[in-house]
């Protein structure tokens, strides 16, 4: 089985930007990189609901006890 190697973070970013610029052109690449990112509100709301129902002492006993 072949061992996979990760690129260093800076190298991965440079390679990704180079590919975007080459394939999309500089204007569209910048437009793509500046697209607003959707916030995952459903995840936040789900976590807040879970926290409201949480019995902290029982939870800690189950996890650490």
PDB file of N, CA and C in Angstrom:
ATOM      1  N   UNK A   1       0.845  -1.173   0.000  1.00  0.00           N
ATOM      2  CA  UNK A   1       0.000   0.000   0.000  1.00  0.00           C
ATOM      3  C   UNK A   1       0.896   1.244   0.000  1.00  0.00           C
ATOM      4  N   UNK A   2       0.520   2.247  -0.772  1.00  0.00           N
ATOM      5  CA  UNK A   2       1.309   3.463  -0.905  1.00  0.00           C
ATOM      6  C   UNK A   2       1.026   4.400   0.264  1.00  0.00           C
ATOM      7  N   UNK A   3       2.072   4.964   0.829  1.00  0.00           N
ATOM      8  CA  UNK A   3       1.920   5.928   1.912  1.00  0.00           C
ATOM      9  C   UNK A   3       1.634   7.294   1.312  1.00  0.00           C
ATOM     10  N   UNK A   4       0.588   7.953   1.822  1.00  0.00           N
ATOM     11  CA  UNK A   4       0.232   9.292   1.355  1.00  0.00           C
ATOM     12  C   UNK A   4       0.996  10.320   2.170  1.00  0.00           C
ATOM     13  N   UNK A   5       1.386  11.393   1.513  1.00  0.00           N
ATOM     14  CA  UNK A   5       2.081  12.479   2.170  1.00  0.00           C
ATOM     15  C   UNK A   5       1.276  13.752   1.977  1.00  0.00           C
ATOM     16  N   UNK A   6       1.102  14.507   3.054  1.00  0.00           N
ATOM     17  CA  UNK A   6       0.419  15.786   2.956  1.00  0.00           C
ATOM     18  C   UNK A   6       1.415  16.872   2.573  1.00  0.00           C
ATOM     19  N   UNK A   7       0.945  17.812   1.763  1.00  0.00           N
ATOM     20  CA  UNK A   7       1.767  18.975   1.434  1.00  0.00           C
ATOM     21  C   UNK A   7       1.827  19.888   2.655  1.00  0.00           C
ATOM     22  N   UNK A   8       2.888  20.624   2.795  1.00  0.00           N
ATOM     23  CA  UNK A   8       2.940  21.656   3.823  1.00  0.00           C
ATOM     24  C   UNK A   8       1.815  22.649   3.537  1.00  0.00           C
ATOM     25  N   UNK A   9       1.293  23.263   4.567  1.00  0.00           N
ATOM     26  CA  UNK A   9       0.134  24.147   4.404  1.00  0.00           C
ATOM     27  C   UNK A   9       0.394  25.249   3.373  1.00  0.00           C
ATOM     28  N   UNK A  10       1.540  25.899   3.456  1.00  0.00           N
ATOM     29  CA  UNK A  10       1.856  26.972   2.507  1.00  0.00           C
ATOM     30  C   UNK A  10       1.946  26.450   1.082  1.00  0.00           C
ATOM     31  N   UNK A  11       2.521  25.268   0.905  1.00  0.00           N
ATOM     32  CA  UNK A  11       2.645  24.686  -0.428  1.00  0.00           C
ATOM     33  C   UNK A  11       1.262  24.328  -0.984  1.00  0.00           C
ATOM     34  N   UNK A  12       0.389  23.810  -0.137  1.00  0.00           N
ATOM     35  CA  UNK A  12      -0.961  23.452  -0.584  1.00  0.00           C
ATOM     36  C   UNK A  12      -1.736  24.700  -0.992  1.00  0.00           C
ATOM     37  N   UNK A  13      -1.606  25.765  -0.212  1.00  0.00           N
ATOM     38  CA  UNK A  13      -2.301  27.014  -0.542  1.00  0.00           C
ATOM     39  C   UNK A  13      -1.768  27.579  -1.859  1.00  0.00           C
ATOM     40  N   UNK A  14      -0.449  27.616  -2.007  1.00  0.00           N
ATOM     41  CA  UNK A  14       0.153  28.150  -3.239  1.00  0.00           C
ATOM     42  C   UNK A  14      -0.289  27.338  -4.448  1.00  0.00           C
ATOM     43  N   UNK A  15      -0.260  26.025  -4.320  1.00  0.00           N
ATOM     44  CA  UNK A  15      -0.654  25.162  -5.435  1.00  0.00           C
ATOM     45  C   UNK A  15      -2.124  25.370  -5.787  1.00  0.00           C
ATOM     46  N   UNK A  16      -2.972  25.459  -4.767  1.00  0.00           N
ATOM     47  CA  UNK A  16      -4.396  25.685  -5.008  1.00  0.00           C
ATOM     48  C   UNK A  16      -4.670  27.010  -5.686  1.00  0.00           C
ATOM     49  N   UNK A  17      -4.018  28.067  -5.223  1.00  0.00           N
ATOM     50  CA  UNK A  17      -4.191  29.395  -5.823  1.00  0.00           C
ATOM     51  C   UNK A  17      -3.668  29.392  -7.256  1.00  0.00           C
ATOM     52  N   UNK A  18      -2.520  28.770  -7.474  1.00  0.00           N
ATOM     53  CA  UNK A  18      -1.975  28.697  -8.839  1.00  0.00           C
ATOM     54  C   UNK A  18      -2.947  28.006  -9.789  1.00  0.00           C
ATOM     55  N   UNK A  19      -3.544  26.912  -9.336  1.00  0.00           N
ATOM     56  CA  UNK A  19      -4.504  26.186 -10.176  1.00  0.00           C
ATOM     57  C   UNK A  19      -5.741  27.032 -10.442  1.00  0.00           C
ATOM     58  N   UNK A  20      -6.246  27.699  -9.393  1.00  0.00           N
ATOM     59  CA  UNK A  20      -7.419  28.562  -9.582  1.00  0.00           C
ATOM     60  C   UNK A  20      -7.129  29.662 -10.599  1.00  0.00           C
ATOM     61  N   UNK A  21      -5.993  30.333 -10.459  1.00  0.00           N
ATOM     62  CA  UNK A  21      -5.650  31.420 -11.373  1.00  0.00           C
ATOM     63  C   UNK A  21      -5.476  30.895 -12.789  1.00  0.00           C
ATOM     64  N   UNK A  22      -4.814  29.748 -12.930  1.00  0.00           N
ATOM     65  CA  UNK A  22      -4.596  29.176 -14.261  1.00  0.00           C
ATOM     66  C   UNK A  22      -5.920  28.790 -14.923  1.00  0.00           C
ATOM     67  N   UNK A  23      -6.810  28.170 -14.167  1.00  0.00           N
ATOM     68  CA  UNK A  23      -8.053  27.662 -14.744  1.00  0.00           C
ATOM     69  C   UNK A  23      -9.150  28.716 -14.872  1.00  0.00           C
ATOM     70  N   UNK A  24      -9.216  29.636 -13.899  1.00  0.00           N
ATOM     71  CA  UNK A  24     -10.303  30.619 -13.904  1.00  0.00           C
ATOM     72  C   UNK A  24      -9.876  32.009 -14.358  1.00  0.00           C
ATOM     73  N   UNK A  25      -8.576  32.273 -14.284  1.00  0.00           N
ATOM     74  CA  UNK A  25      -8.084  33.627 -14.528  1.00  0.00           C
ATOM     75  C   UNK A  25      -8.023  34.367 -13.198  1.00  0.00           C
ATOM     76  N   UNK A  26      -7.240  35.438 -13.143  1.00  0.00           N
ATOM     77  CA  UNK A  26      -7.021  36.117 -11.864  1.00  0.00           C
ATOM     78  C   UNK A  26      -8.278  36.753 -11.269  1.00  0.00           C
ATOM     79  N   UNK A  27      -9.126  37.341 -12.095  1.00  0.00           N
ATOM     80  CA  UNK A  27     -10.324  38.012 -11.572  1.00  0.00           C
ATOM     81  C   UNK A  27     -11.295  36.995 -10.994  1.00  0.00           C
ATOM     82  N   UNK A  28     -11.589  35.935 -11.740  1.00  0.00           N
ATOM     83  CA  UNK A  28     -12.534  34.931 -11.260  1.00  0.00           C
ATOM     84  C   UNK A  28     -11.967  34.138 -10.078  1.00  0.00           C
ATOM     85  N   UNK A  29     -10.647  33.938 -10.055  1.00  0.00           N
ATOM     86  CA  UNK A  29     -10.033  33.243  -8.919  1.00  0.00           C
ATOM     87  C   UNK A  29     -10.220  34.067  -7.646  1.00  0.00           C
ATOM     88  N   UNK A  30      -9.980  35.374  -7.721  1.00  0.00           N
ATOM     89  CA  UNK A  30     -10.183  36.243  -6.552  1.00  0.00           C
ATOM     90  C   UNK A  30     -11.651  36.273  -6.155  1.00  0.00           C
ATOM     91  N   UNK A  31     -12.521  36.310  -7.144  1.00  0.00           N
ATOM     92  CA  UNK A  31     -13.960  36.300  -6.855  1.00  0.00           C
ATOM     93  C   UNK A  31     -14.343  35.018  -6.129  1.00  0.00           C
ATOM     94  N   UNK A  32     -13.814  33.899  -6.579  1.00  0.00           N
ATOM     95  CA  UNK A  32     -14.087  32.615  -5.942  1.00  0.00           C
ATOM     96  C   UNK A  32     -13.580  32.602  -4.495  1.00  0.00           C
ATOM     97  N   UNK A  33     -12.355  33.083  -4.284  1.00  0.00           N
ATOM     98  CA  UNK A  33     -11.769  33.055  -2.938  1.00  0.00           C
ATOM     99  C   UNK A  33     -12.490  33.994  -1.977  1.00  0.00           C
ATOM    100  N   UNK A  34     -13.182  34.993  -2.507  1.00  0.00           N
ATOM    101  CA  UNK A  34     -13.886  35.954  -1.654  1.00  0.00           C
ATOM    102  C   UNK A  34     -15.372  35.683  -1.527  1.00  0.00           C
ATOM    103  N   UNK A  35     -15.840  34.548  -2.041  1.00  0.00           N
ATOM    104  CA  UNK A  35     -17.252  34.215  -1.881  1.00  0.00           C
ATOM    105  C   UNK A  35     -17.585  34.103  -0.399  1.00  0.00           C
ATOM    106  N   UNK A  36     -18.741  34.630   0.006  1.00  0.00           N
ATOM    107  CA  UNK A  36     -19.094  34.513   1.428  1.00  0.00           C
ATOM    108  C   UNK A  36     -19.341  33.052   1.789  1.00  0.00           C
ATOM    109  N   UNK A  37     -18.923  32.694   2.969  1.00  0.00           N
ATOM    110  CA  UNK A  37     -19.121  31.324   3.439  1.00  0.00           C
ATOM    111  C   UNK A  37     -20.389  31.258   4.273  1.00  0.00           C
ATOM    112  N   UNK A  38     -21.206  30.269   3.994  1.00  0.00           N
ATOM    113  CA  UNK A  38     -22.427  30.089   4.769  1.00  0.00           C
ATOM    114  C   UNK A  38     -22.083  29.668   6.182  1.00  0.00           C
ATOM    115  N   UNK A  39     -22.739  30.271   7.140  1.00  0.00           N
ATOM    116  CA  UNK A  39     -22.572  29.844   8.521  1.00  0.00           C
ATOM    117  C   UNK A  39     -23.517  28.682   8.753  1.00  0.00           C
ATOM    118  N   UNK A  40     -23.062  27.718   9.482  1.00  0.00           N
ATOM    119  CA  UNK A  40     -23.871  26.532   9.726  1.00  0.00           C
ATOM    120  C   UNK A  40     -24.700  26.734  10.985  1.00  0.00           C
ATOM    121  N   UNK A  41     -25.725  27.566  10.853  1.00  0.00           N
ATOM    122  CA  UNK A  41     -26.550  27.900  11.999  1.00  0.00           C
ATOM    123  C   UNK A  41     -27.288  26.697  12.554  1.00  0.00           C
ATOM    124  N   UNK A  42     -27.644  25.761  11.684  1.00  0.00           N
ATOM    125  CA  UNK A  42     -28.369  24.606  12.187  1.00  0.00           C
ATOM    126  C   UNK A  42     -27.534  23.820  13.191  1.00  0.00           C
ATOM    127  N   UNK A  43     -26.234  23.777  12.990  1.00  0.00           N
ATOM    128  CA  UNK A  43     -25.346  23.079  13.907  1.00  0.00           C
ATOM    129  C   UNK A  43     -25.274  23.818  15.236  1.00  0.00           C
ATOM    130  N   UNK A  44     -25.174  25.142  15.170  1.00  0.00           N
ATOM    131  CA  UNK A  44     -25.124  25.947  16.389  1.00  0.00           C
ATOM    132  C   UNK A  44     -26.424  25.802  17.171  1.00  0.00           C
ATOM    133  N   UNK A  45     -27.544  25.892  16.472  1.00  0.00           N
ATOM    134  CA  UNK A  45     -28.836  25.769  17.151  1.00  0.00           C
ATOM    135  C   UNK A  45     -29.009  24.388  17.772  1.00  0.00           C
ATOM    136  N   UNK A  46     -28.587  23.359  17.053  1.00  0.00           N
ATOM    137  CA  UNK A  46     -28.691  21.997  17.579  1.00  0.00           C
ATOM    138  C   UNK A  46     -27.846  21.850  18.839  1.00  0.00           C
ATOM    139  N   UNK A  47     -26.649  22.417  18.823  1.00  0.00           N
ATOM    140  CA  UNK A  47     -25.781  22.339  19.991  1.00  0.00           C
ATOM    141  C   UNK A  47     -26.360  23.125  21.169  1.00  0.00           C
ATOM    142  N   UNK A  48     -26.941  24.287  20.895  1.00  0.00           N
ATOM    143  CA  UNK A  48     -27.544  25.076  21.970  1.00  0.00           C
ATOM    144  C   UNK A  48     -28.716  24.328  22.599  1.00  0.00           C
ATOM    145  N   UNK A  49     -29.529  23.675  21.782  1.00  0.00           N
ATOM    146  CA  UNK A  49     -30.643  22.892  22.315  1.00  0.00           C
ATOM    147  C   UNK A  49     -30.132  21.737  23.168  1.00  0.00           C
ATOM    148  N   UNK A  50     -29.077  21.083  22.715  1.00  0.00           N
ATOM    149  CA  UNK A  50     -28.485  19.980  23.473  1.00  0.00           C
ATOM    150  C   UNK A  50     -27.978  20.489  24.819  1.00  0.00           C
ATOM    151  N   UNK A  51     -27.323  21.656  24.817  1.00  0.00           N
ATOM    152  CA  UNK A  51     -26.785  22.213  26.056  1.00  0.00           C
ATOM    153  C   UNK A  51     -27.900  22.571  27.037  1.00  0.00           C
ATOM    154  N   UNK A  52     -29.044  23.053  26.540  1.00  0.00           N
ATOM    155  CA  UNK A  52     -30.159  23.401  27.418  1.00  0.00           C
ATOM    156  C   UNK A  52     -30.671  22.178  28.167  1.00  0.00           C
ATOM    157  N   UNK A  53     -30.670  21.032  27.496  1.00  0.00           N
ATOM    158  CA  UNK A  53     -31.210  19.815  28.083  1.00  0.00           C
ATOM    159  C   UNK A  53     -30.171  19.025  28.877  1.00  0.00           C
ATOM    160  N   UNK A  54     -28.928  19.471  28.836  1.00  0.00           N
ATOM    161  CA  UNK A  54     -27.830  18.718  29.424  1.00  0.00           C
ATOM    162  C   UNK A  54     -27.818  18.811  30.947  1.00  0.00           C
ATOM    163  N   UNK A  55     -27.702  17.672  31.583  1.00  0.00           N
ATOM    164  CA  UNK A  55     -27.460  17.607  33.025  1.00  0.00           C
ATOM    165  C   UNK A  55     -25.947  17.485  33.180  1.00  0.00           C
ATOM    166  N   UNK A  56     -25.304  18.602  33.510  1.00  0.00           N
ATOM    167  CA  UNK A  56     -23.843  18.687  33.509  1.00  0.00           C
ATOM    168  C   UNK A  56     -23.204  17.620  34.397  1.00  0.00           C
ATOM    169  N   UNK A  57     -23.709  17.470  35.622  1.00  0.00           N
ATOM    170  CA  UNK A  57     -23.099  16.509  36.553  1.00  0.00           C
ATOM    171  C   UNK A  57     -23.207  15.081  36.029  1.00  0.00           C
ATOM    172  N   UNK A  58     -24.374  14.721  35.519  1.00  0.00           N
ATOM    173  CA  UNK A  58     -24.559  13.368  34.979  1.00  0.00           C
ATOM    174  C   UNK A  58     -23.665  13.148  33.762  1.00  0.00           C
ATOM    175  N   UNK A  59     -23.567  14.161  32.900  1.00  0.00           N
ATOM    176  CA  UNK A  59     -22.719  14.062  31.711  1.00  0.00           C
ATOM    177  C   UNK A  59     -21.256  13.838  32.094  1.00  0.00           C
ATOM    178  N   UNK A  60     -20.756  14.641  33.046  1.00  0.00           N
ATOM    179  CA  UNK A  60     -19.364  14.479  33.475  1.00  0.00           C
ATOM    180  C   UNK A  60     -19.133  13.123  34.117  1.00  0.00           C
ATOM    181  N   UNK A  61     -20.110  12.640  34.874  1.00  0.00           N
ATOM    182  CA  UNK A  61     -19.968  11.300  35.488  1.00  0.00           C
ATOM    183  C   UNK A  61     -19.872  10.226  34.412  1.00  0.00           C
ATOM    184  N   UNK A  62     -20.679  10.357  33.351  1.00  0.00           N
ATOM    185  CA  UNK A  62     -20.661   9.367  32.283  1.00  0.00           C
ATOM    186  C   UNK A  62     -19.347   9.412  31.494  1.00  0.00           C
ATOM    187  N   UNK A  63     -18.841  10.624  31.252  1.00  0.00           N
ATOM    188  CA  UNK A  63     -17.636  10.763  30.443  1.00  0.00           C
ATOM    189  C   UNK A  63     -16.385  10.478  31.252  1.00  0.00           C
ATOM    190  N   UNK A  64     -16.296  11.027  32.448  1.00  0.00           N
ATOM    191  CA  UNK A  64     -15.072  10.934  33.233  1.00  0.00           C
ATOM    192  C   UNK A  64     -15.152   9.979  34.407  1.00  0.00           C
ATOM    193  N   UNK A  65     -16.348   9.486  34.701  1.00  0.00           N
ATOM    194  CA  UNK A  65     -16.509   8.673  35.901  1.00  0.00           C
ATOM    195  C   UNK A  65     -16.363   7.262  35.642  1.00  0.00           C
TER     196      UNK A  65
END
